[in-house]
Amino acid sequence: MNIYGIRNCDTVKKARKWLDEQGISYEFHDFKKEGLDEARLKDWENAVGWELLLNRRGTTWRKLPEEVRDTIGAQSAHDIMLENHSIIKRPVVEHDGSVFVGFNADEWAQQFSND
């Protein structure tokens, strides 16, 4: 299992704490420090869609010019996420060939507890 996110993100902290408490091993990749390549982002977009990956609730989204927010599409969202990883909803989890976005303890318990 690979977890992608930003170390200081509260949601990532909760997710990692939950995994540790469940005894589930994982590799953590801080894409703010370690970067994120375009191929991986494209894989995530193909797996879950750019709409799910794009965090429209955070300050990074709110700082975008209104005209950019109003006209966002697949390519512009891709470019923005590649340029500024903080706008990607976190954490992103790669597990058994699937991609999951965000943290919900109940959903994760169903998805990952059998590992």
N, C-alpha and C. Protein backbone atom coordinates (compact mmCIF):
# COMPACT_ATOMS: atom_id res chain seq x y z
N MET A 1 0.85 -1.17 0.00
CA MET A 1 0.00 0.00 0.00
C MET A 1 0.89 1.23 0.00
N ASN A 2 0.56 2.15 -0.88
CA ASN A 2 1.28 3.42 -0.95
C ASN A 2 0.32 4.55 -0.65
N ILE A 3 0.73 5.43 0.25
CA ILE A 3 -0.06 6.59 0.65
C ILE A 3 0.67 7.83 0.15
N TYR A 4 -0.05 8.67 -0.58
CA TYR A 4 0.51 9.92 -1.10
C TYR A 4 -0.21 11.09 -0.45
N GLY A 5 0.56 12.09 -0.09
CA GLY A 5 -0.04 13.26 0.52
C GLY A 5 1.02 14.23 0.98
N ILE A 6 0.65 15.04 1.94
CA ILE A 6 1.54 16.03 2.53
C ILE A 6 1.60 15.74 4.02
N ARG A 7 2.80 15.60 4.53
CA ARG A 7 3.02 15.19 5.91
C ARG A 7 2.25 16.04 6.92
N ASN A 8 2.16 17.34 6.71
CA ASN A 8 1.52 18.24 7.67
C ASN A 8 0.00 18.32 7.53
N CYS A 9 -0.56 17.68 6.53
CA CYS A 9 -2.02 17.71 6.30
C CYS A 9 -2.73 16.95 7.42
N ASP A 10 -3.73 17.57 8.02
CA ASP A 10 -4.46 16.94 9.12
C ASP A 10 -5.13 15.63 8.70
N THR A 11 -5.70 15.61 7.51
CA THR A 11 -6.36 14.39 7.04
C THR A 11 -5.35 13.27 6.82
N VAL A 12 -4.20 13.61 6.30
CA VAL A 12 -3.14 12.61 6.11
C VAL A 12 -2.67 12.09 7.47
N LYS A 13 -2.55 12.98 8.43
CA LYS A 13 -2.15 12.56 9.78
C LYS A 13 -3.16 11.58 10.36
N LYS A 14 -4.46 11.88 10.21
CA LYS A 14 -5.51 10.99 10.71
C LYS A 14 -5.45 9.64 10.01
N ALA A 15 -5.26 9.67 8.71
CA ALA A 15 -5.21 8.43 7.93
C ALA A 15 -4.02 7.57 8.34
N ARG A 16 -2.87 8.18 8.49
CA ARG A 16 -1.67 7.43 8.88
C ARG A 16 -1.81 6.88 10.30
N LYS A 17 -2.41 7.67 11.18
CA LYS A 17 -2.63 7.21 12.55
C LYS A 17 -3.57 6.00 12.54
N TRP A 18 -4.63 6.08 11.75
CA TRP A 18 -5.58 4.97 11.66
C TRP A 18 -4.88 3.71 11.15
N LEU A 19 -4.08 3.85 10.10
CA LEU A 19 -3.36 2.69 9.55
C LEU A 19 -2.41 2.10 10.60
N ASP A 20 -1.70 2.97 11.32
CA ASP A 20 -0.79 2.50 12.37
C ASP A 20 -1.55 1.75 13.46
N GLU A 21 -2.70 2.29 13.86
CA GLU A 21 -3.51 1.65 14.90
C GLU A 21 -4.05 0.29 14.45
N GLN A 22 -4.30 0.15 13.16
CA GLN A 22 -4.81 -1.12 12.62
C GLN A 22 -3.69 -2.11 12.31
N GLY A 23 -2.44 -1.63 12.45
CA GLY A 23 -1.30 -2.50 12.14
C GLY A 23 -1.14 -2.77 10.65
N ILE A 24 -1.61 -1.84 9.82
CA ILE A 24 -1.52 -1.98 8.37
C ILE A 24 -0.25 -1.26 7.89
N SER A 25 0.61 -1.99 7.22
CA SER A 25 1.86 -1.39 6.75
C SER A 25 1.62 -0.63 5.44
N TYR A 26 2.39 0.41 5.26
CA TYR A 26 2.26 1.26 4.08
C TYR A 26 3.56 2.02 3.85
N GLU A 27 3.73 2.49 2.66
CA GLU A 27 4.82 3.40 2.32
C GLU A 27 4.20 4.78 2.14
N PHE A 28 4.83 5.80 2.74
CA PHE A 28 4.31 7.16 2.62
C PHE A 28 5.19 7.97 1.68
N HIS A 29 4.55 8.68 0.77
CA HIS A 29 5.23 9.54 -0.19
C HIS A 29 4.69 10.95 -0.02
N ASP A 30 5.53 11.85 0.46
CA ASP A 30 5.16 13.25 0.63
C ASP A 30 5.39 13.96 -0.70
N PHE A 31 4.31 14.16 -1.46
CA PHE A 31 4.53 14.74 -2.78
C PHE A 31 4.86 16.22 -2.75
N LYS A 32 4.76 16.83 -1.60
CA LYS A 32 5.21 18.22 -1.49
C LYS A 32 6.75 18.26 -1.47
N LYS A 33 7.35 17.27 -0.81
CA LYS A 33 8.81 17.22 -0.71
C LYS A 33 9.45 16.35 -1.79
N GLU A 34 8.77 15.24 -2.13
CA GLU A 34 9.35 14.28 -3.05
C GLU A 34 8.86 14.43 -4.49
N GLY A 35 7.87 15.30 -4.68
CA GLY A 35 7.37 15.53 -6.03
C GLY A 35 6.33 14.50 -6.44
N LEU A 36 5.80 14.70 -7.62
CA LEU A 36 4.79 13.82 -8.19
C LEU A 36 4.96 13.88 -9.69
N ASP A 37 5.18 12.71 -10.30
CA ASP A 37 5.39 12.72 -11.74
C ASP A 37 4.07 12.70 -12.50
N GLU A 38 4.13 13.19 -13.71
CA GLU A 38 2.93 13.34 -14.53
C GLU A 38 2.26 12.00 -14.82
N ALA A 39 3.04 10.96 -15.02
CA ALA A 39 2.46 9.64 -15.32
C ALA A 39 1.60 9.13 -14.16
N ARG A 40 2.07 9.31 -12.94
CA ARG A 40 1.31 8.86 -11.78
C ARG A 40 0.01 9.66 -11.66
N LEU A 41 0.09 10.98 -11.82
CA LEU A 41 -1.11 11.81 -11.77
C LEU A 41 -2.10 11.37 -12.84
N LYS A 42 -1.61 11.09 -14.03
CA LYS A 42 -2.47 10.63 -15.13
C LYS A 42 -3.14 9.30 -14.76
N ASP A 43 -2.38 8.40 -14.13
CA ASP A 43 -2.96 7.12 -13.68
C ASP A 43 -4.10 7.36 -12.69
N TRP A 44 -3.88 8.27 -11.75
CA TRP A 44 -4.92 8.57 -10.76
C TRP A 44 -6.16 9.15 -11.44
N GLU A 45 -5.92 10.08 -12.37
CA GLU A 45 -7.04 10.69 -13.09
C GLU A 45 -7.84 9.64 -13.86
N ASN A 46 -7.14 8.70 -14.47
CA ASN A 46 -7.81 7.63 -15.21
C ASN A 46 -8.58 6.71 -14.27
N ALA A 47 -8.06 6.51 -13.07
CA ALA A 47 -8.68 5.59 -12.11
C ALA A 47 -9.90 6.19 -11.42
N VAL A 48 -9.81 7.45 -11.00
CA VAL A 48 -10.89 8.03 -10.19
C VAL A 48 -11.50 9.30 -10.78
N GLY A 49 -10.87 9.86 -11.80
CA GLY A 49 -11.36 11.10 -12.40
C GLY A 49 -10.73 12.33 -11.76
N TRP A 50 -10.50 13.34 -12.58
CA TRP A 50 -9.86 14.56 -12.08
C TRP A 50 -10.76 15.28 -11.08
N GLU A 51 -12.07 15.13 -11.23
CA GLU A 51 -13.01 15.84 -10.35
C GLU A 51 -12.84 15.41 -8.89
N LEU A 52 -12.60 14.11 -8.67
CA LEU A 52 -12.41 13.61 -7.32
C LEU A 52 -11.05 14.02 -6.75
N LEU A 53 -10.06 14.08 -7.61
CA LEU A 53 -8.71 14.44 -7.16
C LEU A 53 -8.57 15.92 -6.81
N LEU A 54 -9.31 16.76 -7.46
CA LEU A 54 -9.18 18.20 -7.28
C LEU A 54 -9.89 18.63 -5.99
N ASN A 55 -9.13 19.15 -5.05
CA ASN A 55 -9.68 19.59 -3.77
C ASN A 55 -10.22 21.01 -3.90
N ARG A 56 -11.53 21.10 -3.98
CA ARG A 56 -12.17 22.40 -4.14
C ARG A 56 -12.52 23.06 -2.81
N ARG A 57 -12.11 22.43 -1.70
CA ARG A 57 -12.42 22.98 -0.38
C ARG A 57 -11.25 23.71 0.27
N GLY A 58 -10.06 23.53 -0.26
CA GLY A 58 -8.88 24.07 0.38
C GLY A 58 -8.54 25.48 -0.02
N THR A 59 -7.57 26.03 0.68
CA THR A 59 -7.15 27.41 0.41
C THR A 59 -6.48 27.53 -0.95
N THR A 60 -5.82 26.48 -1.41
CA THR A 60 -5.17 26.54 -2.72
C THR A 60 -6.21 26.78 -3.81
N TRP A 61 -7.34 26.10 -3.72
CA TRP A 61 -8.43 26.30 -4.69
C TRP A 61 -8.96 27.72 -4.60
N ARG A 62 -9.19 28.19 -3.38
CA ARG A 62 -9.76 29.52 -3.19
C ARG A 62 -8.82 30.62 -3.67
N LYS A 63 -7.54 30.34 -3.70
CA LYS A 63 -6.56 31.34 -4.16
C LYS A 63 -6.49 31.44 -5.68
N LEU A 64 -7.04 30.45 -6.38
CA LEU A 64 -7.03 30.51 -7.84
C LEU A 64 -7.93 31.65 -8.31
N PRO A 65 -7.57 32.28 -9.42
CA PRO A 65 -8.44 33.32 -9.96
C PRO A 65 -9.83 32.76 -10.27
N GLU A 66 -10.83 33.58 -10.07
CA GLU A 66 -12.21 33.14 -10.26
C GLU A 66 -12.44 32.59 -11.67
N GLU A 67 -11.84 33.24 -12.68
CA GLU A 67 -12.04 32.78 -14.05
C GLU A 67 -11.45 31.38 -14.27
N VAL A 68 -10.38 31.04 -13.54
CA VAL A 68 -9.81 29.70 -13.63
C VAL A 68 -10.75 28.69 -12.97
N ARG A 69 -11.25 29.02 -11.80
CA ARG A 69 -12.18 28.13 -11.10
C ARG A 69 -13.46 27.91 -11.90
N ASP A 70 -13.95 28.96 -12.55
CA ASP A 70 -15.21 28.88 -13.28
C ASP A 70 -15.10 28.08 -14.58
N THR A 71 -13.90 27.98 -15.13
CA THR A 71 -13.73 27.32 -16.42
C THR A 71 -12.87 26.06 -16.32
N ILE A 72 -12.71 25.52 -15.12
CA ILE A 72 -11.84 24.36 -14.91
C ILE A 72 -12.34 23.17 -15.74
N GLY A 73 -11.40 22.47 -16.33
CA GLY A 73 -11.70 21.27 -17.12
C GLY A 73 -10.61 20.26 -16.88
N ALA A 74 -10.68 19.15 -17.56
CA ALA A 74 -9.74 18.05 -17.34
C ALA A 74 -8.29 18.50 -17.54
N GLN A 75 -7.99 19.18 -18.64
CA GLN A 75 -6.60 19.56 -18.91
C GLN A 75 -6.12 20.64 -17.96
N SER A 76 -6.95 21.65 -17.70
CA SER A 76 -6.51 22.72 -16.80
C SER A 76 -6.36 22.19 -15.38
N ALA A 77 -7.25 21.29 -14.96
CA ALA A 77 -7.13 20.69 -13.63
C ALA A 77 -5.84 19.88 -13.54
N HIS A 78 -5.54 19.11 -14.57
CA HIS A 78 -4.30 18.32 -14.61
C HIS A 78 -3.09 19.24 -14.46
N ASP A 79 -3.06 20.30 -15.25
CA ASP A 79 -1.93 21.23 -15.21
C ASP A 79 -1.77 21.87 -13.84
N ILE A 80 -2.89 22.26 -13.23
CA ILE A 80 -2.85 22.89 -11.92
C ILE A 80 -2.36 21.91 -10.86
N MET A 81 -2.87 20.66 -10.90
CA MET A 81 -2.46 19.66 -9.91
C MET A 81 -0.98 19.30 -10.07
N LEU A 82 -0.52 19.27 -11.31
CA LEU A 82 0.89 18.95 -11.55
C LEU A 82 1.79 20.09 -11.07
N GLU A 83 1.32 21.30 -11.24
CA GLU A 83 2.10 22.47 -10.84
C GLU A 83 2.05 22.72 -9.33
N ASN A 84 0.90 22.46 -8.71
CA ASN A 84 0.73 22.75 -7.29
C ASN A 84 0.05 21.55 -6.62
N HIS A 85 0.85 20.65 -6.06
CA HIS A 85 0.35 19.41 -5.47
C HIS A 85 -0.59 19.65 -4.29
N SER A 86 -0.54 20.82 -3.70
CA SER A 86 -1.40 21.11 -2.55
C SER A 86 -2.88 21.10 -2.90
N ILE A 87 -3.20 21.20 -4.18
CA ILE A 87 -4.60 21.24 -4.59
C ILE A 87 -5.17 19.83 -4.81
N ILE A 88 -4.35 18.81 -4.64
CA ILE A 88 -4.82 17.43 -4.77
C ILE A 88 -5.44 17.00 -3.44
N LYS A 89 -6.63 16.43 -3.52
CA LYS A 89 -7.30 15.93 -2.32
C LYS A 89 -6.46 14.81 -1.72
N ARG A 90 -6.36 14.80 -0.41
CA ARG A 90 -5.46 13.86 0.26
C ARG A 90 -6.19 13.05 1.32
N PRO A 91 -5.60 11.90 1.62
CA PRO A 91 -4.50 11.22 0.93
C PRO A 91 -5.00 10.50 -0.33
N VAL A 92 -4.04 10.17 -1.19
CA VAL A 92 -4.30 9.30 -2.32
C VAL A 92 -3.65 7.96 -1.98
N VAL A 93 -4.40 6.89 -2.10
CA VAL A 93 -3.92 5.56 -1.73
C VAL A 93 -3.92 4.65 -2.95
N GLU A 94 -2.79 4.01 -3.18
CA GLU A 94 -2.70 2.97 -4.19
C GLU A 94 -2.64 1.64 -3.44
N HIS A 95 -3.61 0.76 -3.74
CA HIS A 95 -3.69 -0.51 -3.02
C HIS A 95 -4.28 -1.58 -3.93
N ASP A 96 -3.56 -2.66 -4.11
CA ASP A 96 -4.03 -3.79 -4.92
C ASP A 96 -4.57 -3.37 -6.28
N GLY A 97 -3.87 -2.46 -6.94
CA GLY A 97 -4.27 -2.04 -8.27
C GLY A 97 -5.39 -1.02 -8.32
N SER A 98 -5.86 -0.57 -7.16
CA SER A 98 -6.93 0.43 -7.10
C SER A 98 -6.40 1.73 -6.50
N VAL A 99 -7.14 2.79 -6.75
CA VAL A 99 -6.79 4.10 -6.21
C VAL A 99 -7.97 4.60 -5.39
N PHE A 100 -7.67 5.11 -4.19
CA PHE A 100 -8.67 5.67 -3.29
C PHE A 100 -8.24 7.09 -2.93
N VAL A 101 -9.20 7.97 -2.76
CA VAL A 101 -8.89 9.37 -2.45
C VAL A 101 -9.67 9.80 -1.22
N GLY A 102 -8.96 10.45 -0.30
CA GLY A 102 -9.59 10.94 0.92
C GLY A 102 -9.55 9.88 2.01
N PHE A 103 -9.96 10.28 3.21
CA PHE A 103 -9.95 9.37 4.34
C PHE A 103 -11.32 9.31 4.99
N ASN A 104 -11.82 8.10 5.14
CA ASN A 104 -13.05 7.83 5.88
C ASN A 104 -12.80 6.52 6.61
N ALA A 105 -12.74 6.57 7.94
CA ALA A 105 -12.37 5.40 8.74
C ALA A 105 -13.28 4.20 8.47
N ASP A 106 -14.59 4.42 8.35
CA ASP A 106 -15.51 3.31 8.11
C ASP A 106 -15.25 2.65 6.75
N GLU A 107 -15.07 3.48 5.73
CA GLU A 107 -14.79 2.93 4.40
C GLU A 107 -13.45 2.21 4.37
N TRP A 108 -12.46 2.79 5.02
CA TRP A 108 -11.14 2.17 5.05
C TRP A 108 -11.19 0.84 5.81
N ALA A 109 -11.99 0.77 6.87
CA ALA A 109 -12.10 -0.47 7.63
C ALA A 109 -12.62 -1.59 6.74
N GLN A 110 -13.60 -1.28 5.90
CA GLN A 110 -14.15 -2.28 4.98
C GLN A 110 -13.13 -2.63 3.89
N GLN A 111 -12.41 -1.64 3.40
CA GLN A 111 -11.52 -1.84 2.26
C GLN A 111 -10.19 -2.48 2.64
N PHE A 112 -9.62 -2.08 3.77
CA PHE A 112 -8.23 -2.44 4.06
C PHE A 112 -8.04 -3.39 5.23
N SER A 113 -9.02 -3.61 6.06
CA SER A 113 -8.81 -4.39 7.27
C SER A 113 -8.51 -5.85 7.03
N ASN A 114 -8.83 -6.38 5.88
CA ASN A 114 -8.57 -7.79 5.61
C ASN A 114 -7.16 -8.08 5.15
N ASP A 115 -6.33 -7.05 5.07
CA ASP A 115 -4.95 -7.24 4.59
C ASP A 115 -4.04 -7.77 5.67
